[in-house]
Amino acid sequence: MVRTLDARTSQGSNGLYSLTPSFTNGVPILFAQVALQVNNPGPFVRTLFGGIVELTANVLPVNGNLVIEVYRGLGAAQQLVYRAGTIVVADQFFSPCVFSFTGSEYNVPTAGSSQIIYSVYATFSYNPLYNVNGIRLGPESFNATLYSDD
């Protein structure tokens, strides 16, 4: 039987206002973090997660690249569990760019842990000849649910 251990949401923006700070070319920005509580897990623990990021590149003369990375843990102990990316087309017709993602992690280690922390970073890269501001629109949110088999 499957049991839900915890479910959390981190919402940085509902999409009504532009976000600050904006992206710095090629520098990851933390946009979401959740701490899932682990109480009496069964032998097989897994996490299902998903999120959304929205940005505009209509002021860029060339395409950019958006990468999302999800890590488990904090600091030097962080483990990359998911990575996805997309090309952000520099054209008003294709902007803003809404990037949604869904992923999972199986056999999540829980030994000696009362919570599991997931941190989500977004990196926007583009030609360094250009300086771009105000491209982080929102919404930005991340949802994670921790399951266990009993």
N, C-alpha and C. Protein backbone atom coordinates (compact mmCIF):
# COMPACT_ATOMS: atom_id res chain seq x y z
N MET A 1 0.83 -1.18 0.00
CA MET A 1 0.00 0.00 0.00
C MET A 1 0.88 1.25 0.00
N VAL A 2 0.50 2.23 -0.75
CA VAL A 2 1.25 3.48 -0.85
C VAL A 2 0.70 4.48 0.16
N ARG A 3 1.61 5.19 0.81
CA ARG A 3 1.22 6.19 1.80
C ARG A 3 1.91 7.51 1.47
N THR A 4 1.17 8.60 1.54
CA THR A 4 1.75 9.92 1.35
C THR A 4 2.35 10.37 2.67
N LEU A 5 3.66 10.68 2.67
CA LEU A 5 4.33 11.13 3.89
C LEU A 5 4.19 12.64 4.07
N ASP A 6 4.33 13.39 2.98
CA ASP A 6 4.22 14.85 3.06
C ASP A 6 4.11 15.43 1.66
N ALA A 7 3.55 16.63 1.58
CA ALA A 7 3.46 17.36 0.31
C ALA A 7 3.62 18.83 0.62
N ARG A 8 4.45 19.52 -0.16
CA ARG A 8 4.72 20.94 0.08
C ARG A 8 4.76 21.70 -1.24
N THR A 9 4.53 23.01 -1.13
CA THR A 9 4.61 23.92 -2.26
C THR A 9 5.48 25.10 -1.90
N SER A 10 6.33 25.51 -2.82
CA SER A 10 7.10 26.74 -2.69
C SER A 10 6.71 27.62 -3.86
N GLN A 11 6.11 28.77 -3.57
CA GLN A 11 5.69 29.66 -4.64
C GLN A 11 6.39 31.00 -4.47
N GLY A 12 7.26 31.31 -5.43
CA GLY A 12 7.98 32.57 -5.41
C GLY A 12 7.18 33.70 -6.01
N SER A 13 6.26 33.35 -6.89
CA SER A 13 5.45 34.38 -7.55
C SER A 13 4.21 33.73 -8.14
N ASN A 14 3.13 34.48 -8.11
CA ASN A 14 1.91 34.01 -8.75
C ASN A 14 1.77 34.53 -10.17
N GLY A 15 2.76 35.30 -10.63
CA GLY A 15 2.77 35.78 -12.00
C GLY A 15 2.17 37.15 -12.21
N LEU A 16 1.80 37.83 -11.13
CA LEU A 16 1.19 39.15 -11.28
C LEU A 16 2.22 40.27 -11.43
N TYR A 17 3.46 40.05 -10.93
CA TYR A 17 4.47 41.09 -10.96
C TYR A 17 5.81 40.51 -11.41
N SER A 18 6.67 41.33 -12.00
CA SER A 18 8.02 40.90 -12.34
C SER A 18 8.80 40.64 -11.07
N LEU A 19 9.74 39.71 -11.15
CA LEU A 19 10.50 39.31 -9.97
C LEU A 19 11.88 39.96 -9.95
N THR A 20 12.34 40.25 -8.75
CA THR A 20 13.71 40.72 -8.56
C THR A 20 14.35 39.87 -7.48
N PRO A 21 15.60 39.57 -7.54
CA PRO A 21 16.49 39.99 -8.62
C PRO A 21 16.20 39.22 -9.90
N SER A 22 16.57 39.80 -11.01
CA SER A 22 16.41 39.14 -12.29
C SER A 22 17.58 38.18 -12.50
N PHE A 23 17.57 37.50 -13.62
CA PHE A 23 18.66 36.58 -13.93
C PHE A 23 19.95 37.34 -14.23
N THR A 24 21.05 36.81 -13.76
CA THR A 24 22.38 37.25 -14.17
C THR A 24 22.89 36.18 -15.12
N ASN A 25 23.42 36.57 -16.23
CA ASN A 25 23.82 35.65 -17.29
C ASN A 25 24.64 34.48 -16.74
N GLY A 26 24.10 33.27 -16.85
CA GLY A 26 24.81 32.06 -16.50
C GLY A 26 24.93 31.77 -15.02
N VAL A 27 24.29 32.56 -14.16
CA VAL A 27 24.39 32.36 -12.71
C VAL A 27 23.09 31.73 -12.20
N PRO A 28 23.18 30.57 -11.53
CA PRO A 28 21.97 29.94 -11.00
C PRO A 28 21.31 30.82 -9.93
N ILE A 29 19.98 30.85 -9.95
CA ILE A 29 19.23 31.57 -8.94
C ILE A 29 18.28 30.58 -8.27
N LEU A 30 18.30 30.56 -6.95
CA LEU A 30 17.41 29.70 -6.18
C LEU A 30 16.01 30.28 -6.26
N PHE A 31 15.07 29.51 -6.81
CA PHE A 31 13.71 30.05 -6.90
C PHE A 31 12.70 29.25 -6.10
N ALA A 32 13.10 28.11 -5.55
CA ALA A 32 12.16 27.33 -4.74
C ALA A 32 12.92 26.40 -3.82
N GLN A 33 12.30 26.14 -2.65
CA GLN A 33 12.87 25.19 -1.70
C GLN A 33 11.74 24.65 -0.82
N VAL A 34 11.72 23.34 -0.64
CA VAL A 34 10.73 22.71 0.23
C VAL A 34 11.44 21.71 1.14
N ALA A 35 10.90 21.55 2.35
CA ALA A 35 11.39 20.57 3.32
C ALA A 35 10.25 19.60 3.60
N LEU A 36 10.40 18.36 3.11
CA LEU A 36 9.38 17.34 3.28
C LEU A 36 9.66 16.55 4.56
N GLN A 37 8.63 16.38 5.38
CA GLN A 37 8.77 15.68 6.65
C GLN A 37 8.74 14.16 6.43
N VAL A 38 9.67 13.46 7.08
CA VAL A 38 9.77 12.01 6.97
C VAL A 38 9.45 11.41 8.33
N ASN A 39 8.28 10.78 8.44
CA ASN A 39 7.88 10.14 9.69
C ASN A 39 7.53 8.68 9.42
N ASN A 40 8.29 7.76 9.99
CA ASN A 40 8.06 6.32 9.86
C ASN A 40 7.88 5.87 8.41
N PRO A 41 8.90 6.12 7.59
CA PRO A 41 8.77 5.70 6.19
C PRO A 41 8.87 4.18 6.05
N GLY A 42 8.28 3.68 4.98
CA GLY A 42 8.41 2.28 4.64
C GLY A 42 9.73 2.04 3.93
N PRO A 43 9.91 0.86 3.36
CA PRO A 43 11.20 0.52 2.76
C PRO A 43 11.52 1.26 1.45
N PHE A 44 10.50 1.65 0.71
CA PHE A 44 10.75 2.32 -0.57
C PHE A 44 10.12 3.71 -0.54
N VAL A 45 10.98 4.73 -0.60
CA VAL A 45 10.51 6.11 -0.54
C VAL A 45 10.81 6.78 -1.88
N ARG A 46 9.86 7.54 -2.37
CA ARG A 46 10.05 8.25 -3.64
C ARG A 46 9.39 9.61 -3.56
N THR A 47 9.89 10.51 -4.40
CA THR A 47 9.38 11.87 -4.46
C THR A 47 8.92 12.16 -5.89
N LEU A 48 7.77 12.77 -6.00
CA LEU A 48 7.26 13.26 -7.28
C LEU A 48 7.23 14.77 -7.16
N PHE A 49 7.80 15.47 -8.15
CA PHE A 49 7.86 16.92 -8.08
C PHE A 49 7.60 17.55 -9.44
N GLY A 50 7.27 18.82 -9.40
CA GLY A 50 7.04 19.57 -10.63
C GLY A 50 7.02 21.05 -10.34
N GLY A 51 7.17 21.84 -11.38
CA GLY A 51 7.18 23.28 -11.19
C GLY A 51 7.01 24.03 -12.48
N ILE A 52 7.07 25.36 -12.36
CA ILE A 52 6.91 26.23 -13.51
C ILE A 52 7.77 27.48 -13.33
N VAL A 53 8.33 27.95 -14.44
CA VAL A 53 9.10 29.19 -14.49
C VAL A 53 8.66 29.93 -15.74
N GLU A 54 8.51 31.25 -15.62
CA GLU A 54 8.17 32.05 -16.80
C GLU A 54 9.13 33.22 -16.92
N LEU A 55 9.62 33.44 -18.14
CA LEU A 55 10.51 34.57 -18.39
C LEU A 55 10.28 35.09 -19.79
N THR A 56 10.80 36.28 -20.03
CA THR A 56 10.68 36.88 -21.35
C THR A 56 12.08 37.13 -21.92
N ALA A 57 12.21 36.94 -23.21
CA ALA A 57 13.48 37.20 -23.88
C ALA A 57 13.27 38.09 -25.09
N ASN A 58 12.16 38.83 -25.10
CA ASN A 58 11.86 39.64 -26.28
C ASN A 58 12.81 40.82 -26.43
N VAL A 59 13.63 41.12 -25.41
CA VAL A 59 14.63 42.18 -25.53
C VAL A 59 15.98 41.65 -25.98
N LEU A 60 16.09 40.34 -26.11
CA LEU A 60 17.33 39.73 -26.57
C LEU A 60 17.35 39.65 -28.09
N PRO A 61 18.48 39.98 -28.72
CA PRO A 61 18.57 39.82 -30.17
C PRO A 61 18.90 38.39 -30.60
N VAL A 62 19.29 37.54 -29.65
CA VAL A 62 19.60 36.14 -29.95
C VAL A 62 18.95 35.25 -28.89
N ASN A 63 18.80 33.98 -29.23
CA ASN A 63 18.17 33.04 -28.31
C ASN A 63 19.01 32.84 -27.04
N GLY A 64 18.33 32.43 -25.98
CA GLY A 64 18.98 32.10 -24.72
C GLY A 64 18.69 30.66 -24.35
N ASN A 65 19.20 30.23 -23.20
CA ASN A 65 19.03 28.87 -22.75
C ASN A 65 18.63 28.89 -21.27
N LEU A 66 17.52 28.22 -20.93
CA LEU A 66 17.06 28.12 -19.55
C LEU A 66 17.27 26.69 -19.07
N VAL A 67 17.92 26.53 -17.91
CA VAL A 67 18.16 25.22 -17.32
C VAL A 67 17.59 25.21 -15.90
N ILE A 68 16.85 24.15 -15.57
CA ILE A 68 16.31 23.93 -14.23
C ILE A 68 17.04 22.75 -13.61
N GLU A 69 17.48 22.92 -12.36
CA GLU A 69 18.14 21.84 -11.63
C GLU A 69 17.48 21.69 -10.27
N VAL A 70 17.18 20.44 -9.90
CA VAL A 70 16.60 20.12 -8.60
C VAL A 70 17.63 19.32 -7.82
N TYR A 71 17.93 19.79 -6.61
CA TYR A 71 18.90 19.14 -5.72
C TYR A 71 18.21 18.66 -4.46
N ARG A 72 18.69 17.52 -3.93
CA ARG A 72 18.26 17.04 -2.62
C ARG A 72 19.37 17.35 -1.63
N GLY A 73 19.00 17.90 -0.47
CA GLY A 73 19.99 18.21 0.56
C GLY A 73 20.35 19.68 0.55
N LEU A 74 21.31 20.01 1.43
CA LEU A 74 21.75 21.40 1.57
C LEU A 74 23.27 21.49 1.49
N GLY A 75 23.76 22.65 1.09
CA GLY A 75 25.20 22.93 1.10
C GLY A 75 26.00 21.95 0.27
N ALA A 76 27.15 21.54 0.82
CA ALA A 76 28.06 20.65 0.11
C ALA A 76 27.48 19.25 -0.06
N ALA A 77 26.44 18.92 0.72
CA ALA A 77 25.82 17.59 0.65
C ALA A 77 24.73 17.51 -0.42
N GLN A 78 24.51 18.57 -1.18
CA GLN A 78 23.46 18.54 -2.20
C GLN A 78 23.76 17.51 -3.27
N GLN A 79 22.71 16.80 -3.69
CA GLN A 79 22.81 15.83 -4.76
C GLN A 79 21.86 16.24 -5.89
N LEU A 80 22.39 16.36 -7.09
CA LEU A 80 21.56 16.67 -8.25
C LEU A 80 20.67 15.47 -8.54
N VAL A 81 19.34 15.69 -8.59
CA VAL A 81 18.41 14.60 -8.87
C VAL A 81 17.64 14.81 -10.17
N TYR A 82 17.71 16.03 -10.73
CA TYR A 82 16.95 16.30 -11.94
C TYR A 82 17.55 17.52 -12.64
N ARG A 83 17.59 17.44 -13.96
CA ARG A 83 18.08 18.58 -14.76
C ARG A 83 17.34 18.57 -16.09
N ALA A 84 16.82 19.74 -16.47
CA ALA A 84 16.14 19.88 -17.76
C ALA A 84 16.37 21.29 -18.27
N GLY A 85 16.30 21.45 -19.58
CA GLY A 85 16.52 22.77 -20.16
C GLY A 85 15.71 22.98 -21.41
N THR A 86 15.66 24.23 -21.84
CA THR A 86 14.95 24.58 -23.06
C THR A 86 15.60 25.81 -23.69
N ILE A 87 15.40 25.95 -24.97
CA ILE A 87 15.86 27.15 -25.68
C ILE A 87 14.78 28.22 -25.52
N VAL A 88 15.19 29.41 -25.15
CA VAL A 88 14.27 30.54 -25.03
C VAL A 88 14.45 31.38 -26.30
N VAL A 89 13.42 31.40 -27.11
CA VAL A 89 13.49 32.06 -28.41
C VAL A 89 13.36 33.57 -28.23
N ALA A 90 14.30 34.30 -28.82
CA ALA A 90 14.34 35.76 -28.72
C ALA A 90 13.45 36.39 -29.78
N ASP A 91 12.17 36.33 -29.55
CA ASP A 91 11.21 36.84 -30.51
C ASP A 91 9.93 37.18 -29.75
N GLN A 92 9.35 38.32 -30.01
CA GLN A 92 8.12 38.71 -29.32
C GLN A 92 6.99 37.73 -29.55
N PHE A 93 7.00 37.07 -30.68
CA PHE A 93 5.95 36.10 -30.99
C PHE A 93 6.01 34.91 -30.03
N PHE A 94 7.22 34.52 -29.59
CA PHE A 94 7.39 33.36 -28.72
C PHE A 94 7.59 33.74 -27.25
N SER A 95 7.51 34.99 -26.92
CA SER A 95 7.77 35.43 -25.56
C SER A 95 6.48 35.93 -24.94
N PRO A 96 6.22 35.66 -23.69
CA PRO A 96 7.11 35.04 -22.72
C PRO A 96 7.19 33.53 -22.89
N CYS A 97 8.25 32.97 -22.34
CA CYS A 97 8.49 31.53 -22.37
C CYS A 97 8.04 30.94 -21.03
N VAL A 98 7.11 30.00 -21.09
CA VAL A 98 6.65 29.29 -19.90
C VAL A 98 7.26 27.90 -19.94
N PHE A 99 8.03 27.56 -18.92
CA PHE A 99 8.69 26.26 -18.87
C PHE A 99 8.19 25.51 -17.64
N SER A 100 7.46 24.42 -17.89
CA SER A 100 7.00 23.59 -16.79
C SER A 100 7.77 22.27 -16.84
N PHE A 101 7.95 21.67 -15.68
CA PHE A 101 8.73 20.43 -15.60
C PHE A 101 8.11 19.51 -14.55
N THR A 102 8.32 18.22 -14.76
CA THR A 102 7.88 17.19 -13.83
C THR A 102 8.98 16.15 -13.74
N GLY A 103 9.27 15.71 -12.53
CA GLY A 103 10.30 14.70 -12.34
C GLY A 103 10.03 13.87 -11.10
N SER A 104 10.90 12.91 -10.86
CA SER A 104 10.75 12.06 -9.68
C SER A 104 12.11 11.54 -9.25
N GLU A 105 12.16 11.12 -8.01
CA GLU A 105 13.35 10.49 -7.48
C GLU A 105 12.90 9.23 -6.75
N TYR A 106 13.52 8.10 -7.09
CA TYR A 106 13.17 6.82 -6.49
C TYR A 106 14.24 6.38 -5.51
N ASN A 107 13.83 5.58 -4.52
CA ASN A 107 14.73 5.08 -3.48
C ASN A 107 15.45 6.23 -2.78
N VAL A 108 14.68 7.20 -2.34
CA VAL A 108 15.22 8.37 -1.64
C VAL A 108 15.79 7.92 -0.29
N PRO A 109 17.05 8.24 0.01
CA PRO A 109 17.63 7.86 1.30
C PRO A 109 17.00 8.66 2.45
N THR A 110 16.55 7.95 3.48
CA THR A 110 15.91 8.61 4.62
C THR A 110 16.57 8.28 5.95
N ALA A 111 17.59 7.45 5.96
CA ALA A 111 18.22 7.01 7.21
C ALA A 111 18.68 8.21 8.04
N GLY A 112 18.22 8.26 9.30
CA GLY A 112 18.64 9.32 10.21
C GLY A 112 18.13 10.69 9.85
N SER A 113 17.09 10.76 9.03
CA SER A 113 16.60 12.05 8.54
C SER A 113 15.17 12.26 8.99
N SER A 114 14.87 13.45 9.50
CA SER A 114 13.48 13.77 9.83
C SER A 114 12.83 14.59 8.72
N GLN A 115 13.65 15.10 7.81
CA GLN A 115 13.11 15.82 6.66
C GLN A 115 14.05 15.71 5.47
N ILE A 116 13.47 15.86 4.29
CA ILE A 116 14.22 15.84 3.05
C ILE A 116 13.99 17.19 2.38
N ILE A 117 15.07 17.86 2.04
CA ILE A 117 14.98 19.20 1.47
C ILE A 117 15.32 19.15 -0.01
N TYR A 118 14.46 19.78 -0.80
CA TYR A 118 14.71 19.93 -2.24
C TYR A 118 14.86 21.42 -2.54
N SER A 119 15.91 21.76 -3.28
CA SER A 119 16.16 23.13 -3.71
C SER A 119 16.17 23.16 -5.24
N VAL A 120 15.54 24.18 -5.80
CA VAL A 120 15.41 24.28 -7.26
C VAL A 120 16.08 25.57 -7.73
N TYR A 121 16.97 25.41 -8.71
CA TYR A 121 17.71 26.53 -9.27
C TYR A 121 17.36 26.69 -10.75
N ALA A 122 17.29 27.94 -11.20
CA ALA A 122 17.10 28.24 -12.61
C ALA A 122 18.30 29.04 -13.08
N THR A 123 18.83 28.67 -14.25
CA THR A 123 19.96 29.39 -14.84
C THR A 123 19.57 29.81 -16.24
N PHE A 124 19.68 31.10 -16.51
CA PHE A 124 19.40 31.62 -17.84
C PHE A 124 20.71 32.12 -18.43
N SER A 125 21.07 31.58 -19.59
CA SER A 125 22.33 31.94 -20.26
C SER A 125 22.02 32.52 -21.63
N TYR A 126 22.79 33.52 -22.00
CA TYR A 126 22.63 34.15 -23.31
C TYR A 126 23.95 34.77 -23.71
N ASN A 127 24.02 35.28 -24.91
CA ASN A 127 25.25 35.87 -25.43
C ASN A 127 25.71 37.00 -24.49
N PRO A 128 26.95 36.93 -23.97
CA PRO A 128 27.41 37.93 -23.00
C PRO A 128 27.61 39.34 -23.58
N LEU A 129 27.47 39.51 -24.87
CA LEU A 129 27.57 40.84 -25.46
C LEU A 129 26.37 41.72 -25.09
N TYR A 130 25.29 41.10 -24.61
CA TYR A 130 24.06 41.83 -24.33
C TYR A 130 23.80 41.88 -22.83
N ASN A 131 23.21 42.96 -22.39
CA ASN A 131 22.83 43.13 -21.00
C ASN A 131 21.30 43.17 -20.94
N VAL A 132 20.70 42.30 -20.16
CA VAL A 132 19.26 42.18 -20.12
C VAL A 132 18.78 42.31 -18.68
N ASN A 133 17.72 43.09 -18.46
CA ASN A 133 17.11 43.24 -17.14
C ASN A 133 15.62 42.96 -17.22
N GLY A 134 15.04 42.59 -16.07
CA GLY A 134 13.59 42.45 -16.00
C GLY A 134 13.00 41.32 -16.78
N ILE A 135 13.71 40.21 -16.89
CA ILE A 135 13.20 39.10 -17.71
C ILE A 135 12.53 38.02 -16.88
N ARG A 136 12.62 38.10 -15.57
CA ARG A 136 12.03 37.10 -14.68
C ARG A 136 10.59 37.51 -14.36
N LEU A 137 9.63 36.90 -15.03
CA LEU A 137 8.24 37.34 -14.92
C LEU A 137 7.47 36.64 -13.81
N GLY A 138 7.61 35.33 -13.72
CA GLY A 138 6.73 34.55 -12.86
C GLY A 138 5.49 34.19 -13.67
N PRO A 139 4.75 33.18 -13.31
CA PRO A 139 4.82 32.53 -12.02
C PRO A 139 6.06 31.65 -11.88
N GLU A 140 6.46 31.47 -10.64
CA GLU A 140 7.50 30.52 -10.28
C GLU A 140 6.98 29.73 -9.09
N SER A 141 6.87 28.42 -9.28
CA SER A 141 6.42 27.58 -8.18
C SER A 141 7.00 26.18 -8.33
N PHE A 142 7.00 25.46 -7.21
CA PHE A 142 7.54 24.12 -7.15
C PHE A 142 6.70 23.32 -6.15
N ASN A 143 6.29 22.13 -6.56
CA ASN A 143 5.51 21.24 -5.71
C ASN A 143 6.24 19.91 -5.57
N ALA A 144 6.24 19.36 -4.37
CA ALA A 144 6.87 18.06 -4.15
C ALA A 144 6.03 17.23 -3.18
N THR A 145 5.91 15.94 -3.48
CA THR A 145 5.17 15.01 -2.63
C THR A 145 6.03 13.80 -2.38
N LEU A 146 6.12 13.39 -1.13
CA LEU A 146 6.94 12.26 -0.70
C LEU A 146 6.04 11.07 -0.41
N TYR A 147 6.32 9.93 -1.05
CA TYR A 147 5.52 8.71 -0.90
C TYR A 147 6.37 7.60 -0.31
N SER A 148 5.68 6.62 0.31
CA SER A 148 6.35 5.47 0.87
C SER A 148 5.49 4.23 0.68
N ASP A 149 6.13 3.11 0.43
CA ASP A 149 5.44 1.82 0.41
C ASP A 149 5.51 1.22 1.79
N ASP A 150 4.39 0.73 2.27
CA ASP A 150 4.39 0.08 3.60
C ASP A 150 4.50 -1.41 3.47
